[in-house]
Amino acid sequence: MPSVEALGLTMTFNKGWHIITPTGENESKENNTMLVYNEMKLRDFEFWAGAVDRVKELTWEQLDTIEAILEDIYPNGINETQLNDLFWHDMDTIYEWLGLNKL
Protein backbone atom coordinates (compact mmCIF):
# COMPACT_ATOMS: atom_id res chain seq x y z
CA MET A 1 0.00 0.00 0.00
CA PRO A 2 1.44 3.41 -0.89
CA SER A 3 2.35 5.80 1.88
CA VAL A 4 0.11 8.70 2.79
CA GLU A 5 2.69 11.13 1.41
CA ALA A 6 2.98 9.22 -1.90
CA LEU A 7 -0.76 9.68 -2.37
CA GLY A 8 -0.43 13.44 -1.92
CA LEU A 9 -2.00 13.41 1.52
CA THR A 10 -1.00 14.75 4.91
CA MET A 11 -1.66 12.90 8.17
CA THR A 12 -2.06 14.69 11.48
CA PHE A 13 -2.75 13.23 14.91
CA ASN A 14 -5.16 14.92 17.28
CA LYS A 15 -6.66 13.48 20.49
CA GLY A 16 -6.34 9.84 19.39
CA TRP A 17 -7.57 10.47 15.83
CA HIS A 18 -5.50 10.22 12.66
CA ILE A 19 -6.83 12.80 10.20
CA ILE A 20 -5.78 12.49 6.56
CA THR A 21 -6.34 15.40 4.19
CA PRO A 22 -5.10 16.29 0.68
CA THR A 23 -1.73 18.04 0.52
CA GLY A 24 -1.31 21.24 -1.46
CA GLU A 25 -3.31 24.33 -2.18
CA ASN A 26 -4.37 23.40 -5.72
CA GLU A 27 -7.01 20.90 -4.61
CA SER A 28 -10.58 21.80 -5.51
CA LYS A 29 -13.13 21.46 -2.72
CA GLU A 30 -15.21 18.95 -4.75
CA ASN A 31 -12.27 16.51 -4.87
CA ASN A 32 -11.19 16.82 -1.26
CA THR A 33 -11.76 13.63 0.66
CA MET A 34 -10.85 13.22 4.27
CA LEU A 35 -10.26 9.86 5.89
CA VAL A 36 -10.44 9.76 9.66
CA TYR A 37 -8.78 6.97 11.61
CA ASN A 38 -9.46 6.32 15.25
CA GLU A 39 -7.11 4.14 17.27
CA MET A 40 -9.02 2.31 19.97
CA LYS A 41 -9.08 -0.92 21.89
CA LEU A 42 -11.30 -3.59 20.35
CA ARG A 43 -13.18 -3.87 23.62
CA ASP A 44 -14.19 -0.18 23.24
CA PHE A 45 -15.52 -0.57 19.69
CA GLU A 46 -19.30 -0.08 19.38
CA PHE A 47 -20.52 -3.11 17.44
CA TRP A 48 -23.99 -3.07 15.90
CA ALA A 49 -26.69 -5.45 14.63
CA GLY A 50 -25.85 -9.16 14.93
CA ALA A 51 -22.25 -8.54 15.98
CA VAL A 52 -23.39 -7.15 19.35
CA ASP A 53 -24.62 -10.49 20.66
CA ARG A 54 -21.65 -12.40 19.25
CA VAL A 55 -19.12 -10.13 20.96
CA LYS A 56 -20.93 -10.65 24.27
CA GLU A 57 -19.88 -14.33 24.07
CA LEU A 58 -16.19 -13.34 24.32
CA THR A 59 -14.08 -12.35 27.32
CA TRP A 60 -11.94 -9.23 27.41
CA GLU A 61 -8.85 -11.44 27.20
CA GLN A 62 -10.22 -13.06 24.04
CA LEU A 63 -10.95 -9.63 22.55
CA ASP A 64 -7.37 -8.58 23.33
CA THR A 65 -6.09 -11.70 21.54
CA ILE A 66 -8.26 -10.95 18.51
CA GLU A 67 -7.08 -7.33 18.54
CA ALA A 68 -3.44 -8.46 18.33
CA ILE A 69 -4.29 -10.79 15.44
CA LEU A 70 -6.16 -8.04 13.59
CA GLU A 71 -3.22 -5.66 14.03
CA ASP A 72 -1.01 -8.24 12.29
CA ILE A 73 -3.49 -8.96 9.50
CA TYR A 74 -4.46 -5.32 8.93
CA PRO A 75 -1.33 -3.25 9.70
CA ASN A 76 -2.95 -0.17 8.12
CA GLY A 77 -6.18 -0.64 10.04
CA ILE A 78 -9.61 -2.05 9.27
CA ASN A 79 -12.74 -0.03 8.64
CA GLU A 80 -15.70 -0.17 10.99
CA THR A 81 -17.96 -2.11 8.64
CA GLN A 82 -15.32 -4.76 7.92
CA LEU A 83 -14.68 -5.18 11.63
CA ASN A 84 -18.36 -5.42 12.51
CA ASP A 85 -19.05 -7.83 9.64
CA LEU A 86 -16.19 -10.07 10.71
CA PHE A 87 -17.84 -10.58 14.10
CA TRP A 88 -21.36 -10.72 12.68
CA HIS A 89 -20.85 -13.03 9.69
CA ASP A 90 -17.55 -14.84 10.26
CA MET A 91 -17.41 -15.96 13.89
CA ASP A 92 -15.98 -19.30 12.71
CA THR A 93 -12.77 -17.42 11.88
CA ILE A 94 -12.81 -15.67 15.26
CA TYR A 95 -13.28 -19.00 17.05
CA GLU A 96 -10.47 -20.54 14.99
CA TRP A 97 -8.10 -17.72 15.98
CA LEU A 98 -8.99 -18.36 19.61
CA GLY A 99 -8.53 -22.12 19.27
CA LEU A 100 -12.21 -22.74 20.01
CA ASN A 101 -14.38 -25.29 18.26
CA LYS A 102 -17.89 -23.81 18.19
CA LEU A 103 -20.71 -25.15 16.05
PDB file of N, CA and C in Angstrom:
ATOM      1  N   MET A   1       0.850  -1.171   0.000  1.00  0.00           N
ATOM      2  CA  MET A   1       0.000   0.000   0.000  1.00  0.00           C
ATOM      3  C   MET A   1       0.899   1.238   0.000  1.00  0.00           C
ATOM      4  N   PRO A   2       0.616   2.212  -0.855  1.00  0.00           N
ATOM      5  CA  PRO A   2       1.444   3.413  -0.894  1.00  0.00           C
ATOM      6  C   PRO A   2       1.329   4.216   0.392  1.00  0.00           C
ATOM      7  N   SER A   3       2.367   4.970   0.674  1.00  0.00           N
ATOM      8  CA  SER A   3       2.348   5.798   1.877  1.00  0.00           C
ATOM      9  C   SER A   3       1.372   6.954   1.703  1.00  0.00           C
ATOM     10  N   VAL A   4       1.015   7.546   2.817  1.00  0.00           N
ATOM     11  CA  VAL A   4       0.113   8.703   2.794  1.00  0.00           C
ATOM     12  C   VAL A   4       0.720   9.813   1.953  1.00  0.00           C
ATOM     13  N   GLU A   5       2.016  10.066   2.133  1.00  0.00           N
ATOM     14  CA  GLU A   5       2.688  11.129   1.406  1.00  0.00           C
ATOM     15  C   GLU A   5       2.727  10.851  -0.095  1.00  0.00           C
ATOM     16  N   ALA A   6       2.935   9.580  -0.486  1.00  0.00           N
ATOM     17  CA  ALA A   6       2.982   9.219  -1.902  1.00  0.00           C
ATOM     18  C   ALA A   6       1.640   9.449  -2.583  1.00  0.00           C
ATOM     19  N   LEU A   7       0.571   9.427  -1.823  1.00  0.00           N
ATOM     20  CA  LEU A   7      -0.756   9.676  -2.373  1.00  0.00           C
ATOM     21  C   LEU A   7      -1.113  11.158  -2.377  1.00  0.00           C
ATOM     22  N   GLY A   8      -0.168  12.001  -1.963  1.00  0.00           N
ATOM     23  CA  GLY A   8      -0.428  13.436  -1.925  1.00  0.00           C
ATOM     24  C   GLY A   8      -1.309  13.849  -0.772  1.00  0.00           C
ATOM     25  N   LEU A   9      -1.186  13.128   0.347  1.00  0.00           N
ATOM     26  CA  LEU A   9      -2.001  13.413   1.516  1.00  0.00           C
ATOM     27  C   LEU A   9      -1.122  13.764   2.703  1.00  0.00           C
ATOM     28  N   THR A  10      -1.700  14.397   3.678  1.00  0.00           N
ATOM     29  CA  THR A  10      -1.004  14.745   4.906  1.00  0.00           C
ATOM     30  C   THR A  10      -1.757  14.115   6.069  1.00  0.00           C
ATOM     31  N   MET A  11      -1.019  13.511   7.005  1.00  0.00           N
ATOM     32  CA  MET A  11      -1.664  12.904   8.166  1.00  0.00           C
ATOM     33  C   MET A  11      -1.283  13.696   9.407  1.00  0.00           C
ATOM     34  N   THR A  12      -2.288  14.039  10.197  1.00  0.00           N
ATOM     35  CA  THR A  12      -2.060  14.689  11.477  1.00  0.00           C
ATOM     36  C   THR A  12      -2.690  13.820  12.560  1.00  0.00           C
ATOM     37  N   PHE A  13      -2.245  14.004  13.782  1.00  0.00           N
ATOM     38  CA  PHE A  13      -2.755  13.228  14.907  1.00  0.00           C
ATOM     39  C   PHE A  13      -3.289  14.202  15.931  1.00  0.00           C
ATOM     40  N   ASN A  14      -4.544  14.000  16.346  1.00  0.00           N
ATOM     41  CA  ASN A  14      -5.164  14.919  17.283  1.00  0.00           C
ATOM     42  C   ASN A  14      -6.109  14.151  18.195  1.00  0.00           C
ATOM     43  N   LYS A  15      -5.798  14.096  19.470  1.00  0.00           N
ATOM     44  CA  LYS A  15      -6.656  13.483  20.488  1.00  0.00           C
ATOM     45  C   LYS A  15      -7.041  12.046  20.137  1.00  0.00           C
ATOM     46  N   GLY A  16      -6.088  11.242  19.682  1.00  0.00           N
ATOM     47  CA  GLY A  16      -6.343   9.844  19.386  1.00  0.00           C
ATOM     48  C   GLY A  16      -6.859   9.578  17.990  1.00  0.00           C
ATOM     49  N   TRP A  17      -7.045  10.630  17.179  1.00  0.00           N
ATOM     50  CA  TRP A  17      -7.569  10.474  15.825  1.00  0.00           C
ATOM     51  C   TRP A  17      -6.472  10.780  14.815  1.00  0.00           C
ATOM     52  N   HIS A  18      -6.355   9.927  13.805  1.00  0.00           N
ATOM     53  CA  HIS A  18      -5.497  10.223  12.662  1.00  0.00           C
ATOM     54  C   HIS A  18      -6.387  10.877  11.618  1.00  0.00           C
ATOM     55  N   ILE A  19      -6.024  12.073  11.174  1.00  0.00           N
ATOM     56  CA  ILE A  19      -6.826  12.796  10.198  1.00  0.00           C
ATOM     57  C   ILE A  19      -5.980  12.949   8.940  1.00  0.00           C
ATOM     58  N   ILE A  20      -6.515  12.464   7.817  1.00  0.00           N
ATOM     59  CA  ILE A  20      -5.781  12.489   6.562  1.00  0.00           C
ATOM     60  C   ILE A  20      -6.503  13.441   5.614  1.00  0.00           C
ATOM     61  N   THR A  21      -5.769  14.417   5.092  1.00  0.00           N
ATOM     62  CA  THR A  21      -6.338  15.398   4.185  1.00  0.00           C
ATOM     63  C   THR A  21      -5.414  15.572   2.984  1.00  0.00           C
ATOM     64  N   PRO A  22      -5.946  16.063   1.849  1.00  0.00           N
ATOM     65  CA  PRO A  22      -5.098  16.290   0.677  1.00  0.00           C
ATOM     66  C   PRO A  22      -4.021  17.325   0.963  1.00  0.00           C
ATOM     67  N   THR A  23      -2.837  17.115   0.378  1.00  0.00           N
ATOM     68  CA  THR A  23      -1.726  18.043   0.522  1.00  0.00           C
ATOM     69  C   THR A  23      -1.771  19.032  -0.635  1.00  0.00           C
ATOM     70  N   GLY A  24      -1.415  20.256  -0.380  1.00  0.00           N
ATOM     71  CA  GLY A  24      -1.314  21.244  -1.455  1.00  0.00           C
ATOM     72  C   GLY A  24      -2.498  22.175  -1.481  1.00  0.00           C
ATOM     73  N   GLU A  25      -2.275  23.297  -2.130  1.00  0.00           N
ATOM     74  CA  GLU A  25      -3.308  24.328  -2.182  1.00  0.00           C
ATOM     75  C   GLU A  25      -4.086  24.300  -3.488  1.00  0.00           C
ATOM     76  N   ASN A  26      -3.715  23.436  -4.427  1.00  0.00           N
ATOM     77  CA  ASN A  26      -4.373  23.399  -5.724  1.00  0.00           C
ATOM     78  C   ASN A  26      -5.543  22.425  -5.769  1.00  0.00           C
ATOM     79  N   GLU A  27      -5.907  21.864  -4.648  1.00  0.00           N
ATOM     80  CA  GLU A  27      -7.009  20.902  -4.606  1.00  0.00           C
ATOM     81  C   GLU A  27      -8.339  21.652  -4.654  1.00  0.00           C
ATOM     82  N   SER A  28      -9.252  21.188  -5.500  1.00  0.00           N
ATOM     83  CA  SER A  28     -10.583  21.795  -5.513  1.00  0.00           C
ATOM     84  C   SER A  28     -11.405  21.182  -4.381  1.00  0.00           C
ATOM     85  N   LYS A  29     -12.338  21.938  -3.854  1.00  0.00           N
ATOM     86  CA  LYS A  29     -13.128  21.461  -2.724  1.00  0.00           C
ATOM     87  C   LYS A  29     -13.953  20.233  -3.088  1.00  0.00           C
ATOM     88  N   GLU A  30     -14.404  20.094  -4.357  1.00  0.00           N
ATOM     89  CA  GLU A  30     -15.209  18.946  -4.750  1.00  0.00           C
ATOM     90  C   GLU A  30     -14.411  17.652  -4.673  1.00  0.00           C
ATOM     91  N   ASN A  31     -13.095  17.707  -4.854  1.00  0.00           N
ATOM     92  CA  ASN A  31     -12.271  16.509  -4.872  1.00  0.00           C
ATOM     93  C   ASN A  31     -11.619  16.198  -3.533  1.00  0.00           C
ATOM     94  N   ASN A  32     -11.798  17.057  -2.563  1.00  0.00           N
ATOM     95  CA  ASN A  32     -11.185  16.819  -1.258  1.00  0.00           C
ATOM     96  C   ASN A  32     -11.932  15.722  -0.521  1.00  0.00           C
ATOM     97  N   THR A  33     -11.209  14.716  -0.131  1.00  0.00           N
ATOM     98  CA  THR A  33     -11.762  13.635   0.657  1.00  0.00           C
ATOM     99  C   THR A  33     -10.926  13.512   1.910  1.00  0.00           C
ATOM    100  N   MET A  34     -11.573  13.373   3.022  1.00  0.00           N
ATOM    101  CA  MET A  34     -10.849  13.222   4.268  1.00  0.00           C
ATOM    102  C   MET A  34     -11.153  11.850   4.845  1.00  0.00           C
ATOM    103  N   LEU A  35     -10.120  11.129   5.199  1.00  0.00           N
ATOM    104  CA  LEU A  35     -10.256   9.862   5.889  1.00  0.00           C
ATOM    105  C   LEU A  35      -9.896  10.101   7.338  1.00  0.00           C
ATOM    106  N   VAL A  36     -10.704   9.588   8.242  1.00  0.00           N
ATOM    107  CA  VAL A  36     -10.445   9.761   9.661  1.00  0.00           C
ATOM    108  C   VAL A  36     -10.224   8.385  10.272  1.00  0.00           C
ATOM    109  N   TYR A  37      -9.092   8.223  10.939  1.00  0.00           N
ATOM    110  CA  TYR A  37      -8.776   6.975  11.606  1.00  0.00           C
ATOM    111  C   TYR A  37      -8.820   7.197  13.107  1.00  0.00           C
ATOM    112  N   ASN A  38      -9.395   6.245  13.804  1.00  0.00           N
ATOM    113  CA  ASN A  38      -9.461   6.316  15.253  1.00  0.00           C
ATOM    114  C   ASN A  38      -8.789   5.075  15.818  1.00  0.00           C
ATOM    115  N   GLU A  39      -7.755   5.269  16.607  1.00  0.00           N
ATOM    116  CA  GLU A  39      -7.108   4.144  17.269  1.00  0.00           C
ATOM    117  C   GLU A  39      -7.821   3.890  18.581  1.00  0.00           C
ATOM    118  N   MET A  40      -8.312   2.648  18.741  1.00  0.00           N
ATOM    119  CA  MET A  40      -9.025   2.309  19.967  1.00  0.00           C
ATOM    120  C   MET A  40      -8.837   0.834  20.269  1.00  0.00           C
ATOM    121  N   LYS A  41      -9.105   0.478  21.487  1.00  0.00           N
ATOM    122  CA  LYS A  41      -9.084  -0.918  21.887  1.00  0.00           C
ATOM    123  C   LYS A  41     -10.324  -1.590  21.301  1.00  0.00           C
ATOM    124  N   LEU A  42     -10.175  -2.851  20.914  1.00  0.00           N
ATOM    125  CA  LEU A  42     -11.295  -3.589  20.350  1.00  0.00           C
ATOM    126  C   LEU A  42     -12.448  -3.668  21.347  1.00  0.00           C
ATOM    127  N   ARG A  43     -12.126  -3.774  22.613  1.00  0.00           N
ATOM    128  CA  ARG A  43     -13.184  -3.870  23.625  1.00  0.00           C
ATOM    129  C   ARG A  43     -13.987  -2.577  23.751  1.00  0.00           C
ATOM    130  N   ASP A  44     -13.473  -1.453  23.201  1.00  0.00           N
ATOM    131  CA  ASP A  44     -14.189  -0.180  23.238  1.00  0.00           C
ATOM    132  C   ASP A  44     -14.983   0.093  21.962  1.00  0.00           C
ATOM    133  N   PHE A  45     -14.825  -0.765  20.956  1.00  0.00           N
ATOM    134  CA  PHE A  45     -15.524  -0.570  19.690  1.00  0.00           C
ATOM    135  C   PHE A  45     -17.020  -0.797  19.887  1.00  0.00           C
ATOM    136  N   GLU A  46     -17.855   0.045  19.269  1.00  0.00           N
ATOM    137  CA  GLU A  46     -19.304  -0.081  19.379  1.00  0.00           C
ATOM    138  C   GLU A  46     -19.833  -0.913  18.211  1.00  0.00           C
ATOM    139  N   PHE A  47     -19.976  -2.221  18.447  1.00  0.00           N
ATOM    140  CA  PHE A  47     -20.516  -3.111  17.438  1.00  0.00           C
ATOM    141  C   PHE A  47     -22.000  -2.835  17.269  1.00  0.00           C
ATOM    142  N   TRP A  48     -22.567  -3.259  16.135  1.00  0.00           N
ATOM    143  CA  TRP A  48     -23.992  -3.072  15.897  1.00  0.00           C
ATOM    144  C   TRP A  48     -24.578  -4.339  15.267  1.00  0.00           C
ATOM    145  N   ALA A  49     -25.900  -4.354  15.220  1.00  0.00           N
ATOM    146  CA  ALA A  49     -26.686  -5.448  14.635  1.00  0.00           C
ATOM    147  C   ALA A  49     -26.272  -6.791  15.248  1.00  0.00           C
ATOM    148  N   GLY A  50     -26.125  -7.818  14.439  1.00  0.00           N
ATOM    149  CA  GLY A  50     -25.854  -9.159  14.930  1.00  0.00           C
ATOM    150  C   GLY A  50     -24.513  -9.323  15.616  1.00  0.00           C
ATOM    151  N   ALA A  51     -23.572  -8.436  15.359  1.00  0.00           N
ATOM    152  CA  ALA A  51     -22.251  -8.542  15.981  1.00  0.00           C
ATOM    153  C   ALA A  51     -22.312  -8.278  17.486  1.00  0.00           C
ATOM    154  N   VAL A  52     -23.283  -7.499  17.929  1.00  0.00           N
ATOM    155  CA  VAL A  52     -23.392  -7.146  19.353  1.00  0.00           C
ATOM    156  C   VAL A  52     -23.497  -8.399  20.216  1.00  0.00           C
ATOM    157  N   ASP A  53     -24.412  -9.282  19.863  1.00  0.00           N
ATOM    158  CA  ASP A  53     -24.616 -10.494  20.661  1.00  0.00           C
ATOM    159  C   ASP A  53     -23.422 -11.436  20.579  1.00  0.00           C
ATOM    160  N   ARG A  54     -22.795 -11.500  19.421  1.00  0.00           N
ATOM    161  CA  ARG A  54     -21.650 -12.404  19.252  1.00  0.00           C
ATOM    162  C   ARG A  54     -20.457 -11.949  20.091  1.00  0.00           C
ATOM    163  N   VAL A  55     -20.243 -10.652  20.168  1.00  0.00           N
ATOM    164  CA  VAL A  55     -19.124 -10.132  20.961  1.00  0.00           C
ATOM    165  C   VAL A  55     -19.359 -10.382  22.442  1.00  0.00           C
ATOM    166  N   LYS A  56     -20.606 -10.394  22.862  1.00  0.00           N
ATOM    167  CA  LYS A  56     -20.933 -10.651  24.270  1.00  0.00           C
ATOM    168  C   LYS A  56     -20.501 -12.044  24.711  1.00  0.00           C
ATOM    169  N   GLU A  57     -20.306 -12.965  23.753  1.00  0.00           N
ATOM    170  CA  GLU A  57     -19.876 -14.325  24.066  1.00  0.00           C
ATOM    171  C   GLU A  57     -18.398 -14.397  24.433  1.00  0.00           C
ATOM    172  N   LEU A  58     -17.646 -13.326  24.150  1.00  0.00           N
ATOM    173  CA  LEU A  58     -16.194 -13.339  24.320  1.00  0.00           C
ATOM    174  C   LEU A  58     -15.767 -12.592  25.580  1.00  0.00           C
ATOM    175  N   THR A  59     -14.662 -13.037  26.159  1.00  0.00           N
ATOM    176  CA  THR A  59     -14.081 -12.349  27.321  1.00  0.00           C
ATOM    177  C   THR A  59     -13.210 -11.194  26.836  1.00  0.00           C
ATOM    178  N   TRP A  60     -12.841 -10.316  27.757  1.00  0.00           N
ATOM    179  CA  TRP A  60     -11.935  -9.226  27.412  1.00  0.00           C
ATOM    180  C   TRP A  60     -10.589  -9.767  26.961  1.00  0.00           C
ATOM    181  N   GLU A  61     -10.138 -10.840  27.593  1.00  0.00           N
ATOM    182  CA  GLU A  61      -8.855 -11.438  27.204  1.00  0.00           C
ATOM    183  C   GLU A  61      -8.927 -11.968  25.772  1.00  0.00           C
ATOM    184  N   GLN A  62     -10.061 -12.575  25.413  1.00  0.00           N
ATOM    185  CA  GLN A  62     -10.224 -13.060  24.044  1.00  0.00           C
ATOM    186  C   GLN A  62     -10.271 -11.899  23.055  1.00  0.00           C
ATOM    187  N   LEU A  63     -10.929 -10.816  23.424  1.00  0.00           N
ATOM    188  CA  LEU A  63     -10.948  -9.633  22.551  1.00  0.00           C
ATOM    189  C   LEU A  63      -9.550  -9.060  22.379  1.00  0.00           C
ATOM    190  N   ASP A  64      -8.747  -9.064  23.440  1.00  0.00           N
ATOM    191  CA  ASP A  64      -7.371  -8.580  23.335  1.00  0.00           C
ATOM    192  C   ASP A  64      -6.550  -9.461  22.394  1.00  0.00           C
ATOM    193  N   THR A  65      -6.781 -10.771  22.441  1.00  0.00           N
ATOM    194  CA  THR A  65      -6.090 -11.696  21.537  1.00  0.00           C
ATOM    195  C   THR A  65      -6.486 -11.416  20.097  1.00  0.00           C
ATOM    196  N   ILE A  66      -7.778 -11.242  19.861  1.00  0.00           N
ATOM    197  CA  ILE A  66      -8.265 -10.945  18.511  1.00  0.00           C
ATOM    198  C   ILE A  66      -7.707  -9.616  18.021  1.00  0.00           C
ATOM    199  N   GLU A  67      -7.635  -8.632  18.902  1.00  0.00           N
ATOM    200  CA  GLU A  67      -7.084  -7.331  18.543  1.00  0.00           C
ATOM    201  C   GLU A  67      -5.642  -7.472  18.046  1.00  0.00           C
ATOM    202  N   ALA A  68      -4.832  -8.255  18.735  1.00  0.00           N
ATOM    203  CA  ALA A  68      -3.439  -8.462  18.330  1.00  0.00           C
ATOM    204  C   ALA A  68      -3.375  -9.148  16.965  1.00  0.00           C
ATOM    205  N   ILE A  69      -4.247 -10.101  16.731  1.00  0.00           N
ATOM    206  CA  ILE A  69      -4.288 -10.794  15.438  1.00  0.00           C
ATOM    207  C   ILE A  69      -4.689  -9.827  14.329  1.00  0.00           C
ATOM    208  N   LEU A  70      -5.708  -9.011  14.591  1.00  0.00           N
ATOM    209  CA  LEU A  70      -6.164  -8.040  13.593  1.00  0.00           C
ATOM    210  C   LEU A  70      -5.080  -7.017  13.268  1.00  0.00           C
ATOM    211  N   GLU A  71      -4.301  -6.611  14.267  1.00  0.00           N
ATOM    212  CA  GLU A  71      -3.217  -5.659  14.026  1.00  0.00           C
ATOM    213  C   GLU A  71      -2.167  -6.257  13.091  1.00  0.00           C
ATOM    214  N   ASP A  72      -1.946  -7.575  13.191  1.00  0.00           N
ATOM    215  CA  ASP A  72      -1.010  -8.242  12.286  1.00  0.00           C
ATOM    216  C   ASP A  72      -1.591  -8.385  10.885  1.00  0.00           C
ATOM    217  N   ILE A  73      -2.852  -8.742  10.794  1.00  0.00           N
ATOM    218  CA  ILE A  73      -3.490  -8.964   9.496  1.00  0.00           C
ATOM    219  C   ILE A  73      -3.754  -7.646   8.769  1.00  0.00           C
ATOM    220  N   TYR A  74      -4.129  -6.626   9.503  1.00  0.00           N
ATOM    221  CA  TYR A  74      -4.458  -5.318   8.935  1.00  0.00           C
ATOM    222  C   TYR A  74      -3.528  -4.243   9.518  1.00  0.00           C
ATOM    223  N   PRO A  75      -2.264  -4.216   9.112  1.00  0.00           N
ATOM    224  CA  PRO A  75      -1.331  -3.251   9.702  1.00  0.00           C
ATOM    225  C   PRO A  75      -1.712  -1.791   9.448  1.00  0.00           C
ATOM    226  N   ASN A  76      -2.510  -1.536   8.406  1.00  0.00           N
ATOM    227  CA  ASN A  76      -2.953  -0.167   8.117  1.00  0.00           C
ATOM    228  C   ASN A  76      -4.352   0.099   8.646  1.00  0.00           C
ATOM    229  N   GLY A  77      -4.865  -0.821   9.441  1.00  0.00           N
ATOM    230  CA  GLY A  77      -6.182  -0.642  10.038  1.00  0.00           C
ATOM    231  C   GLY A  77      -7.270  -1.359   9.263  1.00  0.00           C
ATOM    232  N   ILE A  78      -8.428  -1.418   9.852  1.00  0.00           N
ATOM    233  CA  ILE A  78      -9.613  -2.045   9.273  1.00  0.00           C
ATOM    234  C   ILE A  78     -10.766  -1.077   9.456  1.00  0.00           C
ATOM    235  N   ASN A  79     -11.647  -0.988   8.459  1.00  0.00           N
ATOM    236  CA  ASN A  79     -12.740  -0.027   8.642  1.00  0.00           C
ATOM    237  C   ASN A  79     -13.831  -0.627   9.524  1.00  0.00           C
ATOM    238  N   GLU A  80     -14.693   0.232  10.020  1.00  0.00           N
ATOM    239  CA  GLU A  80     -15.701  -0.175  10.994  1.00  0.00           C
ATOM    240  C   GLU A  80     -16.625  -1.264  10.459  1.00  0.00           C
ATOM    241  N   THR A  81     -17.044  -1.135   9.214  1.00  0.00           N
ATOM    242  CA  THR A  81     -17.964  -2.110   8.643  1.00  0.00           C
ATOM    243  C   THR A  81     -17.298  -3.478   8.495  1.00  0.00           C
ATOM    244  N   GLN A  82     -16.053  -3.493   8.031  1.00  0.00           N
ATOM    245  CA  GLN A  82     -15.323  -4.758   7.915  1.00  0.00           C
ATOM    246  C   GLN A  82     -15.195  -5.430   9.278  1.00  0.00           C
ATOM    247  N   LEU A  83     -14.849  -4.647  10.283  1.00  0.00           N
ATOM    248  CA  LEU A  83     -14.683  -5.184  11.629  1.00  0.00           C
ATOM    249  C   LEU A  83     -16.002  -5.747  12.155  1.00  0.00           C
ATOM    250  N   ASN A  84     -17.055  -4.976  12.038  1.00  0.00           N
ATOM    251  CA  ASN A  84     -18.357  -5.420  12.515  1.00  0.00           C
ATOM    252  C   ASN A  84     -18.810  -6.674  11.763  1.00  0.00           C
ATOM    253  N   ASP A  85     -18.633  -6.679  10.447  1.00  0.00           N
ATOM    254  CA  ASP A  85     -19.054  -7.831   9.639  1.00  0.00           C
ATOM    255  C   ASP A  85     -18.257  -9.080   9.966  1.00  0.00           C
ATOM    256  N   LEU A  86     -17.003  -8.922  10.315  1.00  0.00           N
ATOM    257  CA  LEU A  86     -16.190 -10.073  10.710  1.00  0.00           C
ATOM    258  C   LEU A  86     -16.825 -10.773  11.908  1.00  0.00           C
ATOM    259  N   PHE A  87     -17.218 -10.003  12.902  1.00  0.00           N
ATOM    260  CA  PHE A  87     -17.837 -10.580  14.103  1.00  0.00           C
ATOM    261  C   PHE A  87     -19.269 -11.042  13.840  1.00  0.00           C
ATOM    262  N   TRP A  88     -19.975 -10.385  12.945  1.00  0.00           N
ATOM    263  CA  TRP A  88     -21.362 -10.723  12.682  1.00  0.00           C
ATOM    264  C   TRP A  88     -21.478 -11.965  11.785  1.00  0.00           C
ATOM    265  N   HIS A  89     -20.666 -12.006  10.719  1.00  0.00           N
ATOM    266  CA  HIS A  89     -20.848 -13.026   9.695  1.00  0.00           C
ATOM    267  C   HIS A  89     -19.748 -14.079   9.642  1.00  0.00           C
ATOM    268  N   ASP A  90     -18.670 -13.901  10.385  1.00  0.00           N
ATOM    269  CA  ASP A  90     -17.546 -14.836  10.261  1.00  0.00           C
ATOM    270  C   ASP A  90     -16.984 -15.222  11.627  1.00  0.00           C
ATOM    271  N   MET A  91     -17.873 -15.567  12.556  1.00  0.00           N
ATOM    272  CA  MET A  91     -17.413 -15.964  13.888  1.00  0.00           C
ATOM    273  C   MET A  91     -16.605 -17.249  13.855  1.00  0.00           C
ATOM    274  N   ASP A  92     -16.796 -18.086  12.825  1.00  0.00           N
ATOM    275  CA  ASP A  92     -15.975 -19.299  12.715  1.00  0.00           C
ATOM    276  C   ASP A  92     -14.493 -18.941  12.668  1.00  0.00           C
ATOM    277  N   THR A  93     -14.165 -17.875  11.944  1.00  0.00           N
ATOM    278  CA  THR A  93     -12.771 -17.418  11.879  1.00  0.00           C
ATOM    279  C   THR A  93     -12.302 -16.932  13.244  1.00  0.00           C
ATOM    280  N   ILE A  94     -13.147 -16.173  13.922  1.00  0.00           N
ATOM    281  CA  ILE A  94     -12.807 -15.672  15.256  1.00  0.00           C
ATOM    282  C   ILE A  94     -12.544 -16.846  16.200  1.00  0.00           C
ATOM    283  N   TYR A  95     -13.447 -17.833  16.195  1.00  0.00           N
ATOM    284  CA  TYR A  95     -13.277 -19.004  17.051  1.00  0.00           C
ATOM    285  C   TYR A  95     -11.995 -19.762  16.706  1.00  0.00           C
ATOM    286  N   GLU A  96     -11.699 -19.863  15.420  1.00  0.00           N
ATOM    287  CA  GLU A  96     -10.471 -20.544  14.986  1.00  0.00           C
ATOM    288  C   GLU A  96      -9.241 -19.820  15.533  1.00  0.00           C
ATOM    289  N   TRP A  97      -9.230 -18.495  15.446  1.00  0.00           N
ATOM    290  CA  TRP A  97      -8.101 -17.717  15.976  1.00  0.00           C
ATOM    291  C   TRP A  97      -7.923 -17.959  17.472  1.00  0.00           C
ATOM    292  N   LEU A  98      -9.027 -18.169  18.162  1.00  0.00           N
ATOM    293  CA  LEU A  98      -8.986 -18.365  19.608  1.00  0.00           C
ATOM    294  C   LEU A  98      -8.772 -19.826  19.999  1.00  0.00           C
ATOM    295  N   GLY A  99      -8.715 -20.690  18.997  1.00  0.00           N
ATOM    296  CA  GLY A  99      -8.532 -22.124  19.266  1.00  0.00           C
ATOM    297  C   GLY A  99      -9.778 -22.769  19.827  1.00  0.00           C
ATOM    298  N   LEU A 100     -10.947 -22.201  19.534  1.00  0.00           N
ATOM    299  CA  LEU A 100     -12.214 -22.737  20.008  1.00  0.00           C
ATOM    300  C   LEU A 100     -12.908 -23.494  18.887  1.00  0.00           C
ATOM    301  N   ASN A 101     -13.649 -24.497  19.235  1.00  0.00           N
ATOM    302  CA  ASN A 101     -14.376 -25.292  18.255  1.00  0.00           C
ATOM    303  C   ASN A 101     -15.871 -25.135  18.545  1.00  0.00           C
ATOM    304  N   LYS A 102     -16.462 -24.086  17.991  1.00  0.00           N
ATOM    305  CA  LYS A 102     -17.895 -23.811  18.194  1.00  0.00           C
ATOM    306  C   LYS A 102     -18.663 -24.242  16.963  1.00  0.00           C
ATOM    307  N   LEU A 103     -19.854 -24.757  17.165  1.00  0.00           N
ATOM    308  CA  LEU A 103     -20.708 -25.154  16.049  1.00  0.00           C
ATOM    309  C   LEU A 103     -21.810 -24.154  15.857  1.00  0.00           C
TER     310      LEU A 103
END
